[in-house]
Amino acid sequence: MQRPAYQNTNKGDSRKIAEFLSKDGQLLLPFLELICNTEQAVDELIDVAGKAAIEAVLLLSAEQLAGPKQPGKSHGVITWHGRQQGVVSLSERKLRIEKPRLRRKGRGAGKEVAIPAYEALLMNSQLGCRILSILMKGVSTRNYGPILPTMAETVGVSKSQISRQFAAASEQQLKALCERRFDDTDILVVYIDGIQFGDCHVIVAIGVDSDGSKHVLGLREGSSENSRVATDLLNDLVERGVQPDRPRLFVIDGSKALRCAIDAVYGSKNAVQRCRNHKIRNVLSYLPEDQKDQAKCAMQAAFLLDADKGIKKLKQLAKWLEQEYPSAAGSLLEGLDEMFTINRLGLPKALRRCLGSTNVIESPNSGIRSRTRRVKHWRDHAMVVRWVAASLLDMEQRFKRIMGYEQLWMLGAKLKDLAVTDTVDHTVKVA
């Protein structure tokens, strides 16, 4: 029988989560918050969040004996000695966890030292029921803050240690994201797109460096059609190191306000590529079903041509559409030249495929939606922003380099040319 996806968690990832939670226990707050607003199974919470929480408690218990883990240093006669698998009983269920190992130095050297919290869970079956009830209480009453401290105190970890180790709130993670510095990161491409939850819009910016690696640059609550929000997001990127001292390629969703904000903050010499997927969706939205496939194929074929030929083909398509579908024709012609910026730069096909749309952002956006798909009620916009930030930070660890990253040096060379001459002439400017 195939194991559920959440049981296939990488051991290294689980270890990192547990170590982080032992310092900042309330990072679990948004995850428990999601459970409270959904019909998601409590069993899944116990297997995912509960596993990491219990491992964090065991780390705290081990620290009481051996002191904090510091490479090359030891505290007293008890030292850290790796990890090993273990099993904890929670009421009528068993949970596989990874626990730290301790050994004694000097007299009796090499002797294994038991972790008090783990031994307590093995010896006293009632503690498992207690741990389970604490987790259940957090789910049902939204009493998140005391969950990990209460669990730790239940198995003998001191209250003073808990108070020193656990941070105040999950907003610290959002703050960390919003204060990231990029002074030493060579950002070549900036993707900007939005995501919407109910009436709340969030703009997300993701950058790609010269090695093809992706970085979450920042986010702002608000729509990309709001010029103030778009300008504030870009000004924030400048303050954190993405300086307007060199041209970059901006890949955007087609927002007029965002397009103007780029010129205002970064200057008019930057290459701007409008998302082709957005353009296709916008045009097709004005067409009946029997016309959509033909129009879509014509647009996709035109995008493969040289800039001049491609523009000519799409103008012919717009002229044909104008007779019966004038709104579709108008949508097609709007910002047409910026549909072919990457063609005009002479970039190879593999690289154009990645730089021609905002899929780099839309894919993480899909991940955010999958994490929040069962949320029935967003209490406020702050909850939305916090969830978007937490999800992006989580997914960023698994970001892969963009397709065609080996050829990014060509984009870098073209962008350097823009610092001297405006080789990308966007003849259609958006007012």
Foldseek 3Di string as FASTA:
>chain_A
DDDDPLLPDDQVVLVVLLCLCLQAVQLCLLVLVLLLQFPDDVVSCCQHVVQSLVQNLLQLLVCVPWNDDDPPDTDAFKDWDAKDWDWFDQQPDIHIHIHTWIFGDDVRGPDTDDRQLVVQRVPDVVLSPVLVVLSVCCNHPVPRVCNSVVNNVSRPRDNVSSVNRHDDHSVVLLVCLLQAACQPFAFAEKEWDWDDDVPKIKIWIWTAGLLQAIDGQHMFIDHLLDLVRLLVSLVSSCVRHPNLPFAHEYEYQQHLSNQVSCCVHNNDLHQYAYAPVSLLVQLLVQDDPVCNVVVSVQLVVLQVDALVSSLVSLLVVLVVCCVPRVSSSVSCPALVSNLRRVSLLVADPQVCVQRNHSVVVVVLSVVLCVSNVRRPDDPDNVSVSSSSSSSCVVCSVVDDGGGPSVRSVSSVVSRRVSVPPSSRDSVRRRD
